[in-house]
Protein backbone atom coordinates (compact mmCIF):
# COMPACT_ATOMS: atom_id res chain seq x y z
CA LEU A 1 -11.54 71.16 -57.63
CA LYS A 2 -12.55 74.79 -57.39
CA SER A 3 -11.03 75.37 -60.79
CA ALA A 4 -13.30 72.75 -62.39
CA PRO A 5 -16.07 73.86 -64.75
CA PRO A 6 -19.42 74.54 -63.02
CA GLU A 7 -20.97 71.43 -64.60
CA ALA A 8 -18.26 69.21 -63.10
CA LEU A 9 -18.79 70.77 -59.67
CA CYS A 10 -22.54 70.18 -59.89
CA ASP A 11 -21.98 66.58 -61.00
CA GLY A 12 -19.61 66.09 -58.08
CA ILE A 13 -22.09 67.51 -55.59
CA ARG A 14 -24.85 65.27 -56.95
CA ALA A 15 -22.59 62.24 -56.66
CA ILE A 16 -21.68 63.10 -53.07
CA LEU A 17 -25.35 63.56 -52.18
CA ALA A 18 -25.95 60.11 -53.65
CA GLY A 19 -23.38 58.70 -51.23
CA GLU A 20 -20.50 58.33 -53.69
CA THR A 21 -16.88 59.32 -53.09
CA VAL A 22 -15.61 61.85 -55.61
CA PHE A 23 -12.00 62.56 -56.55
CA PRO A 24 -10.67 65.18 -58.93
CA GLU A 25 -9.70 63.85 -62.33
CA GLY A 26 -6.14 62.58 -62.30
CA SER A 27 -6.10 62.31 -58.51
CA GLU A 28 -3.48 59.85 -57.25
CA ALA A 29 -5.89 58.85 -54.48
CA LEU A 30 -7.68 56.77 -57.09
CA SER A 31 -4.62 54.57 -57.35
CA LEU A 32 -4.65 53.40 -53.72
CA SER A 33 -4.36 49.64 -53.56
CA PRO A 34 -6.68 47.57 -51.37
CA ARG A 35 -3.68 46.84 -49.10
CA GLU A 36 -2.91 50.56 -48.81
CA ILE A 37 -6.53 51.17 -47.81
CA GLN A 38 -6.29 48.42 -45.16
CA THR A 39 -3.05 49.94 -43.90
CA LEU A 40 -4.62 53.40 -43.83
CA GLU A 41 -7.60 52.13 -41.83
CA ALA A 42 -5.26 50.46 -39.34
CA ILE A 43 -3.15 53.61 -39.00
CA ALA A 44 -6.32 55.63 -38.36
CA ALA A 45 -7.32 53.09 -35.71
CA GLY A 46 -4.06 53.90 -33.91
CA LYS A 47 -2.32 50.58 -34.52
CA THR A 48 1.46 50.41 -34.54
CA ASN A 49 3.40 49.24 -37.59
CA ALA A 50 4.08 45.96 -35.78
CA ALA A 51 0.39 45.43 -35.02
CA ILE A 52 -0.59 46.30 -38.59
CA ALA A 53 2.03 43.90 -39.95
CA GLU A 54 0.74 41.09 -37.76
CA ALA A 55 -2.91 41.75 -38.60
CA LEU A 56 -2.26 41.87 -42.35
CA SER A 57 0.37 39.10 -42.36
CA ILE A 58 3.00 41.34 -43.93
CA SER A 59 6.37 42.60 -42.74
CA ILE A 60 6.85 45.77 -40.73
CA LYS A 61 8.98 47.07 -43.61
CA THR A 62 6.04 46.57 -45.99
CA VAL A 63 3.75 48.47 -43.62
CA ASP A 64 6.29 51.30 -43.57
CA SER A 65 6.43 51.24 -47.38
CA HIS A 66 2.62 51.47 -47.57
CA ARG A 67 2.63 54.38 -45.08
CA THR A 68 5.29 56.20 -47.11
CA SER A 69 3.38 55.59 -50.34
CA LEU A 70 0.13 56.82 -48.80
CA MET A 71 1.78 60.01 -47.56
CA ARG A 72 3.34 60.66 -50.97
CA LYS A 73 0.09 60.00 -52.86
CA LEU A 74 -1.95 62.22 -50.54
CA GLY A 75 0.73 64.91 -50.34
CA VAL A 76 1.17 64.93 -46.56
CA HIS A 77 4.17 64.70 -44.26
CA SER A 78 2.84 63.37 -40.96
CA THR A 79 0.58 60.61 -39.72
CA ALA A 80 -1.86 63.15 -38.29
CA SER A 81 -2.22 64.95 -41.61
CA LEU A 82 -2.48 61.58 -43.39
CA ILE A 83 -5.52 60.71 -41.28
CA VAL A 84 -7.09 64.16 -41.65
CA CYS A 85 -6.62 64.06 -45.42
CA ALA A 86 -7.97 60.51 -45.67
CA VAL A 87 -11.12 61.49 -43.74
CA ARG A 88 -11.55 64.67 -45.77
CA GLU A 89 -11.20 62.71 -49.04
CA GLY A 90 -13.69 60.09 -47.86
CA LEU A 91 -11.14 57.28 -47.91
CA ILE A 92 -11.90 56.35 -44.29
CA ASP A 93 -14.72 57.10 -41.88
CA PRO A 94 -14.08 59.64 -39.12
């Protein structure tokens, strides 16, 4: 975060240059489950909830729950902003 001490910013920049993904301390993004990440990747690939459910062998309702959870955790209100935020945070590749 911009409000972080200079040392933390420098450490973060070094980590990014080393190929790591960096999140602010206390970031909810750190609590994404592997299934939420899989759902996020499928959403970014343009798959429908039904297609995601079939691919992951879960119900459509579970996919919708993962989508809702992802949007809440990343603080967004649309699928488009979910994808933009996920790319910006390094959770998925562009």
